Every structure is written in structure tokens, then in C-alpha cells.
């Protein structure tokens, strides 16, 4: 087995620190974001029942029908808009952002801006 890089360890440490105080419920579920080197994933979770209410990613069927080409930030914004539309269809308007230990800039910020454009409130 290989060693985990110091960057990943620092992110996981931040993730623990953030999640200690964050708990999504029915009125304000948690919007969890994960980014890999080539894809971005987002899901809205109700922690009281431990269920994912809505999800969207670059691997989603809905995204693949209308793919966005260009920079990764533009793609992340499109995924955020898709997630926001799905959430509004389910009646979810307010969420809390769980950035999963990632710094709030770049693709994470673009995804949250896209979700805000679609009508979600943070």
C-alpha cells in the first residue's frame, strides 16, 4: 500500500473539522461536493434519515444529454445549475454547503454559484 499524500491528509483534516458542526436536516439539507481530477460530484443529503435526496455529476445521464465543453470551472457551474434545478423540482430551496475539506475557490465556487443561479439559497 502507498502512503497518502500530505495534501490529501490536510483535506481530510479540514473535512473532519467542518463536518463536526454541520448536520443537514429536512428543512436545510447538506449540499456535499466532491471533485476529482476529471469529474465533479454533488449531492443533497438529509442526515437525519441518512438519505441522498438529489444528486448531479459530470457522469449523470441528464448532464450527458447536454454536455458543456470548455474549462473545468464552466463544467462545474453547469453541474451546479443541473443540481439546483433537480432540487427545486423536489421542493428543496435552502441548503448548507459542505465543501468536503476543499478550499472555496475554483470548481467548488463555480458549482455553488451555478446552484445559486438555479435558485438554491445557502
N, C-alpha and C. Protein backbone atom coordinates (compact mmCIF):
# COMPACT_ATOMS: atom_id res chain seq x y z
N UNK A 1 0.84 -1.19 0.00
CA UNK A 1 0.00 0.00 0.00
C UNK A 1 0.87 1.24 0.00
N UNK A 2 0.38 2.27 -0.68
CA UNK A 2 1.13 3.52 -0.75
C UNK A 2 0.75 4.45 0.38
N UNK A 3 1.56 5.46 0.55
CA UNK A 3 1.28 6.47 1.56
C UNK A 3 0.29 7.48 1.01
N UNK A 4 -0.51 8.06 1.89
CA UNK A 4 -1.42 9.12 1.50
C UNK A 4 -0.64 10.42 1.48
N UNK A 5 -0.86 11.22 0.45
CA UNK A 5 -0.09 12.45 0.30
C UNK A 5 -0.46 13.46 1.39
N UNK A 6 0.44 14.34 1.73
CA UNK A 6 0.16 15.35 2.76
C UNK A 6 -1.01 16.27 2.37
N UNK A 7 -1.21 16.53 1.07
CA UNK A 7 -2.34 17.37 0.64
C UNK A 7 -3.67 16.69 0.95
N UNK A 8 -3.74 15.40 0.68
CA UNK A 8 -4.98 14.66 0.95
C UNK A 8 -5.22 14.59 2.45
N UNK A 9 -4.17 14.37 3.22
CA UNK A 9 -4.31 14.32 4.68
C UNK A 9 -4.80 15.65 5.23
N UNK A 10 -4.29 16.75 4.70
CA UNK A 10 -4.73 18.08 5.15
C UNK A 10 -6.20 18.31 4.80
N UNK A 11 -6.63 17.85 3.62
CA UNK A 11 -8.03 18.00 3.21
C UNK A 11 -8.94 17.19 4.13
N UNK A 12 -8.53 15.97 4.45
CA UNK A 12 -9.34 15.13 5.32
C UNK A 12 -9.43 15.72 6.73
N UNK A 13 -8.37 16.35 7.17
CA UNK A 13 -8.37 17.02 8.47
C UNK A 13 -9.36 18.18 8.48
N UNK A 14 -9.34 18.98 7.40
CA UNK A 14 -10.30 20.08 7.26
C UNK A 14 -11.72 19.56 7.20
N UNK A 15 -11.90 18.45 6.47
CA UNK A 15 -13.23 17.84 6.32
C UNK A 15 -13.81 17.46 7.68
N UNK A 16 -12.99 16.82 8.51
CA UNK A 16 -13.42 16.43 9.85
C UNK A 16 -13.84 17.63 10.68
N UNK A 17 -13.03 18.68 10.60
CA UNK A 17 -13.27 19.90 11.37
C UNK A 17 -14.59 20.56 10.94
N UNK A 18 -14.87 20.55 9.65
CA UNK A 18 -16.09 21.16 9.14
C UNK A 18 -17.31 20.33 9.51
N UNK A 19 -17.24 19.03 9.28
CA UNK A 19 -18.39 18.15 9.50
C UNK A 19 -18.78 18.02 10.97
N UNK A 20 -17.87 18.37 11.86
CA UNK A 20 -18.16 18.31 13.28
C UNK A 20 -19.35 19.20 13.64
N UNK A 21 -19.49 20.32 12.91
CA UNK A 21 -20.51 21.32 13.23
C UNK A 21 -21.66 21.34 12.24
N UNK A 22 -21.62 20.49 11.24
CA UNK A 22 -22.60 20.55 10.16
C UNK A 22 -23.47 19.30 10.16
N UNK A 23 -24.78 19.51 10.17
CA UNK A 23 -25.71 18.39 10.16
C UNK A 23 -26.94 18.81 9.38
N UNK A 24 -27.17 18.21 8.23
CA UNK A 24 -28.31 18.56 7.39
C UNK A 24 -29.58 17.90 7.90
N UNK A 25 -30.69 18.63 7.82
CA UNK A 25 -31.98 18.07 8.22
C UNK A 25 -33.00 18.30 7.12
N UNK A 26 -34.28 18.03 7.43
CA UNK A 26 -35.33 18.12 6.43
C UNK A 26 -35.50 19.55 5.91
N UNK A 27 -35.41 20.54 6.81
CA UNK A 27 -35.61 21.93 6.42
C UNK A 27 -34.42 22.52 5.67
N UNK A 28 -33.22 22.09 6.04
CA UNK A 28 -32.00 22.62 5.41
C UNK A 28 -31.00 21.48 5.23
N UNK A 29 -31.13 20.70 4.15
CA UNK A 29 -30.20 19.58 3.94
C UNK A 29 -28.80 20.06 3.56
N UNK A 30 -27.89 19.13 3.56
CA UNK A 30 -26.48 19.42 3.31
C UNK A 30 -26.15 19.16 1.84
N UNK A 31 -25.51 20.15 1.21
CA UNK A 31 -25.03 20.00 -0.17
C UNK A 31 -23.56 19.62 -0.12
N UNK A 32 -23.27 18.36 -0.38
CA UNK A 32 -21.91 17.85 -0.31
C UNK A 32 -21.30 17.82 -1.70
N UNK A 33 -20.07 18.34 -1.81
CA UNK A 33 -19.38 18.46 -3.10
C UNK A 33 -18.08 17.66 -3.04
N UNK A 34 -17.80 16.91 -4.10
CA UNK A 34 -16.53 16.21 -4.22
C UNK A 34 -15.99 16.44 -5.62
N UNK A 35 -14.70 16.71 -5.70
CA UNK A 35 -14.09 16.87 -7.02
C UNK A 35 -12.90 15.94 -7.14
N UNK A 36 -12.82 15.31 -8.29
CA UNK A 36 -11.64 14.52 -8.62
C UNK A 36 -10.89 15.27 -9.69
N UNK A 37 -9.86 14.68 -10.22
CA UNK A 37 -9.09 15.40 -11.23
C UNK A 37 -9.87 15.60 -12.53
N UNK A 38 -10.82 14.71 -12.81
CA UNK A 38 -11.53 14.82 -14.08
C UNK A 38 -13.04 15.01 -13.95
N UNK A 39 -13.63 14.80 -12.78
CA UNK A 39 -15.08 14.90 -12.62
C UNK A 39 -15.42 15.68 -11.36
N UNK A 40 -16.69 16.10 -11.27
CA UNK A 40 -17.18 16.75 -10.07
C UNK A 40 -18.54 16.16 -9.73
N UNK A 41 -18.77 15.94 -8.45
CA UNK A 41 -19.98 15.30 -7.97
C UNK A 41 -20.60 16.17 -6.89
N UNK A 42 -21.92 16.23 -6.84
CA UNK A 42 -22.61 16.97 -5.79
C UNK A 42 -23.87 16.21 -5.42
N UNK A 43 -24.19 16.21 -4.13
CA UNK A 43 -25.42 15.58 -3.69
C UNK A 43 -26.00 16.34 -2.51
N UNK A 44 -27.31 16.34 -2.42
CA UNK A 44 -28.01 16.98 -1.32
C UNK A 44 -28.49 15.86 -0.41
N UNK A 45 -28.08 15.93 0.87
CA UNK A 45 -28.26 14.83 1.81
C UNK A 45 -29.06 15.29 3.02
N UNK A 46 -30.02 14.47 3.44
CA UNK A 46 -30.73 14.66 4.71
C UNK A 46 -30.08 13.73 5.72
N UNK A 47 -29.31 14.29 6.66
CA UNK A 47 -28.55 13.47 7.59
C UNK A 47 -29.41 12.82 8.67
N UNK A 48 -30.61 13.33 8.91
CA UNK A 48 -31.45 12.72 9.94
C UNK A 48 -31.91 11.32 9.53
N UNK A 49 -32.16 11.13 8.24
CA UNK A 49 -32.55 9.80 7.77
C UNK A 49 -31.43 9.11 6.98
N UNK A 50 -30.33 9.86 6.75
CA UNK A 50 -29.18 9.30 6.06
C UNK A 50 -29.48 8.97 4.61
N UNK A 51 -30.15 9.88 3.92
CA UNK A 51 -30.57 9.61 2.56
C UNK A 51 -30.16 10.73 1.62
N UNK A 52 -29.73 10.36 0.43
CA UNK A 52 -29.44 11.33 -0.60
C UNK A 52 -30.74 11.70 -1.29
N UNK A 53 -31.07 12.99 -1.28
CA UNK A 53 -32.31 13.46 -1.86
C UNK A 53 -32.16 13.75 -3.35
N UNK A 54 -31.06 14.42 -3.72
CA UNK A 54 -30.80 14.80 -5.11
C UNK A 54 -29.30 14.68 -5.36
N UNK A 55 -28.93 14.27 -6.58
CA UNK A 55 -27.52 14.24 -6.91
C UNK A 55 -27.32 14.66 -8.36
N UNK A 56 -26.13 15.14 -8.64
CA UNK A 56 -25.74 15.50 -10.01
C UNK A 56 -24.23 15.38 -10.12
N UNK A 57 -23.77 15.05 -11.31
CA UNK A 57 -22.34 14.96 -11.55
C UNK A 57 -22.08 15.04 -13.05
N UNK A 58 -20.81 15.05 -13.39
CA UNK A 58 -20.45 15.05 -14.80
C UNK A 58 -20.70 13.69 -15.44
N UNK A 59 -20.97 12.69 -14.64
CA UNK A 59 -21.26 11.35 -15.16
C UNK A 59 -22.76 11.08 -15.23
N UNK A 60 -23.57 12.06 -14.85
CA UNK A 60 -25.02 11.94 -14.81
C UNK A 60 -25.61 11.85 -16.21
N UNK A 61 -26.70 11.10 -16.37
CA UNK A 61 -27.36 10.99 -17.66
C UNK A 61 -27.89 12.34 -18.13
N UNK A 62 -28.47 13.11 -17.20
CA UNK A 62 -29.02 14.42 -17.56
C UNK A 62 -27.92 15.37 -18.04
N UNK A 63 -26.76 15.28 -17.44
CA UNK A 63 -25.64 16.13 -17.87
C UNK A 63 -25.14 15.69 -19.25
N UNK A 64 -25.09 14.39 -19.49
CA UNK A 64 -24.56 13.89 -20.76
C UNK A 64 -25.47 14.20 -21.94
N UNK A 65 -26.76 14.49 -21.68
CA UNK A 65 -27.66 14.90 -22.76
C UNK A 65 -27.26 16.26 -23.32
N UNK A 66 -26.81 17.16 -22.45
CA UNK A 66 -26.38 18.50 -22.84
C UNK A 66 -25.02 18.79 -22.23
N UNK A 67 -23.97 18.14 -22.71
CA UNK A 67 -22.65 18.36 -22.09
C UNK A 67 -22.09 19.75 -22.40
N UNK A 68 -21.34 20.27 -21.44
CA UNK A 68 -20.69 21.56 -21.59
C UNK A 68 -19.22 21.29 -21.87
N UNK A 69 -18.69 21.92 -22.89
CA UNK A 69 -17.27 21.78 -23.17
C UNK A 69 -16.58 23.07 -22.77
N UNK A 70 -15.34 22.96 -22.41
CA UNK A 70 -14.59 24.14 -22.01
C UNK A 70 -13.79 23.87 -20.75
N UNK A 71 -13.61 24.91 -19.96
CA UNK A 71 -12.84 24.80 -18.74
C UNK A 71 -13.59 23.98 -17.69
N UNK A 72 -12.84 23.44 -16.76
CA UNK A 72 -13.44 22.64 -15.70
C UNK A 72 -14.38 23.48 -14.84
N UNK A 73 -14.10 24.78 -14.69
CA UNK A 73 -14.98 25.64 -13.90
C UNK A 73 -16.33 25.82 -14.59
N UNK A 74 -16.34 25.94 -15.91
CA UNK A 74 -17.60 26.06 -16.64
C UNK A 74 -18.42 24.78 -16.51
N UNK A 75 -17.74 23.65 -16.54
CA UNK A 75 -18.41 22.36 -16.39
C UNK A 75 -19.01 22.25 -14.99
N UNK A 76 -18.25 22.67 -13.97
CA UNK A 76 -18.72 22.62 -12.58
C UNK A 76 -19.95 23.51 -12.41
N UNK A 77 -19.94 24.67 -13.03
CA UNK A 77 -21.08 25.58 -12.94
C UNK A 77 -22.32 24.94 -13.56
N UNK A 78 -22.15 24.24 -14.69
CA UNK A 78 -23.26 23.56 -15.35
C UNK A 78 -23.83 22.46 -14.46
N UNK A 79 -22.97 21.75 -13.75
CA UNK A 79 -23.42 20.70 -12.82
C UNK A 79 -24.19 21.35 -11.66
N UNK A 80 -23.72 22.51 -11.19
CA UNK A 80 -24.43 23.23 -10.13
C UNK A 80 -25.82 23.66 -10.55
N UNK A 81 -25.95 24.15 -11.78
CA UNK A 81 -27.26 24.55 -12.30
C UNK A 81 -28.17 23.33 -12.41
N UNK A 82 -27.64 22.21 -12.90
CA UNK A 82 -28.41 20.98 -13.00
C UNK A 82 -28.89 20.52 -11.63
N UNK A 83 -28.00 20.56 -10.65
CA UNK A 83 -28.37 20.16 -9.29
C UNK A 83 -29.44 21.08 -8.72
N UNK A 84 -29.29 22.39 -8.94
CA UNK A 84 -30.28 23.34 -8.46
C UNK A 84 -31.65 23.11 -9.05
N UNK A 85 -31.71 22.83 -10.34
CA UNK A 85 -33.00 22.55 -11.00
C UNK A 85 -33.64 21.29 -10.44
N UNK A 86 -32.83 20.25 -10.25
CA UNK A 86 -33.36 19.00 -9.68
C UNK A 86 -33.88 19.22 -8.26
N UNK A 87 -33.14 20.02 -7.49
CA UNK A 87 -33.54 20.27 -6.11
C UNK A 87 -34.86 21.06 -6.05
N UNK A 88 -35.00 22.06 -6.91
CA UNK A 88 -36.23 22.84 -6.93
C UNK A 88 -37.42 21.98 -7.35
N UNK A 89 -37.20 21.02 -8.24
CA UNK A 89 -38.27 20.11 -8.64
C UNK A 89 -38.73 19.26 -7.46
N UNK A 90 -37.81 18.94 -6.55
CA UNK A 90 -38.14 18.16 -5.35
C UNK A 90 -38.65 19.03 -4.20
N UNK A 91 -38.64 20.36 -4.37
CA UNK A 91 -39.13 21.25 -3.33
C UNK A 91 -38.07 21.69 -2.34
N UNK A 92 -36.82 21.53 -2.68
CA UNK A 92 -35.73 21.94 -1.80
C UNK A 92 -35.26 23.32 -2.25
N UNK A 93 -35.28 24.29 -1.32
CA UNK A 93 -34.86 25.65 -1.67
C UNK A 93 -33.66 26.11 -0.87
N UNK A 94 -33.51 25.62 0.38
CA UNK A 94 -32.41 26.05 1.24
C UNK A 94 -31.51 24.86 1.54
N UNK A 95 -30.21 25.09 1.41
CA UNK A 95 -29.22 24.05 1.72
C UNK A 95 -28.05 24.68 2.46
N UNK A 96 -27.22 23.84 3.06
CA UNK A 96 -25.95 24.30 3.63
C UNK A 96 -24.83 23.61 2.86
N UNK A 97 -23.80 24.37 2.51
CA UNK A 97 -22.73 23.86 1.66
C UNK A 97 -21.67 23.13 2.49
N UNK A 98 -21.46 21.88 2.16
CA UNK A 98 -20.36 21.09 2.73
C UNK A 98 -19.32 20.94 1.63
N UNK A 99 -18.25 21.72 1.73
CA UNK A 99 -17.24 21.71 0.67
C UNK A 99 -16.28 20.54 0.81
N UNK A 100 -16.50 19.69 1.81
CA UNK A 100 -15.78 18.43 1.93
C UNK A 100 -14.28 18.60 2.13
N UNK A 101 -13.87 19.71 2.74
CA UNK A 101 -12.46 19.95 3.01
C UNK A 101 -11.74 20.66 1.88
N UNK A 102 -12.39 20.82 0.74
CA UNK A 102 -11.77 21.54 -0.38
C UNK A 102 -11.86 23.03 -0.10
N UNK A 103 -10.88 23.79 -0.59
CA UNK A 103 -10.91 25.23 -0.42
C UNK A 103 -12.01 25.82 -1.30
N UNK A 104 -12.62 26.91 -0.83
CA UNK A 104 -13.74 27.51 -1.55
C UNK A 104 -13.23 28.45 -2.63
N UNK A 105 -12.80 27.90 -3.72
CA UNK A 105 -12.44 28.66 -4.91
C UNK A 105 -12.42 27.69 -6.08
N UNK A 106 -12.29 28.21 -7.27
CA UNK A 106 -12.21 27.34 -8.44
C UNK A 106 -13.51 26.60 -8.70
N UNK A 107 -13.40 25.28 -8.84
CA UNK A 107 -14.56 24.47 -9.23
C UNK A 107 -15.63 24.40 -8.14
N UNK A 108 -15.22 24.41 -6.87
CA UNK A 108 -16.19 24.36 -5.78
C UNK A 108 -17.03 25.64 -5.79
N UNK A 109 -16.39 26.78 -5.95
CA UNK A 109 -17.09 28.06 -6.01
C UNK A 109 -17.98 28.12 -7.25
N UNK A 110 -17.49 27.64 -8.37
CA UNK A 110 -18.28 27.66 -9.61
C UNK A 110 -19.54 26.81 -9.47
N UNK A 111 -19.42 25.63 -8.85
CA UNK A 111 -20.58 24.77 -8.65
C UNK A 111 -21.60 25.45 -7.75
N UNK A 112 -21.15 26.06 -6.67
CA UNK A 112 -22.09 26.72 -5.76
C UNK A 112 -22.73 27.94 -6.42
N UNK A 113 -21.98 28.67 -7.25
CA UNK A 113 -22.56 29.80 -7.98
C UNK A 113 -23.63 29.32 -8.95
N UNK A 114 -23.39 28.21 -9.61
CA UNK A 114 -24.39 27.63 -10.51
C UNK A 114 -25.65 27.21 -9.78
N UNK A 115 -25.48 26.63 -8.60
CA UNK A 115 -26.64 26.22 -7.81
C UNK A 115 -27.43 27.44 -7.33
N UNK A 116 -26.72 28.51 -6.98
CA UNK A 116 -27.40 29.75 -6.59
C UNK A 116 -28.17 30.35 -7.76
N UNK A 117 -27.57 30.31 -8.96
CA UNK A 117 -28.24 30.81 -10.15
C UNK A 117 -29.54 30.06 -10.41
N UNK A 118 -29.54 28.77 -10.15
CA UNK A 118 -30.72 27.95 -10.38
C UNK A 118 -31.81 28.21 -9.34
N UNK A 119 -31.45 28.87 -8.21
CA UNK A 119 -32.47 29.21 -7.23
C UNK A 119 -32.26 28.67 -5.83
N UNK A 120 -31.18 27.96 -5.58
CA UNK A 120 -30.92 27.47 -4.23
C UNK A 120 -30.41 28.58 -3.35
N UNK A 121 -30.75 28.55 -2.07
CA UNK A 121 -30.26 29.53 -1.10
C UNK A 121 -29.29 28.83 -0.16
N UNK A 122 -28.16 29.50 0.10
CA UNK A 122 -27.15 28.96 1.03
C UNK A 122 -27.19 29.78 2.29
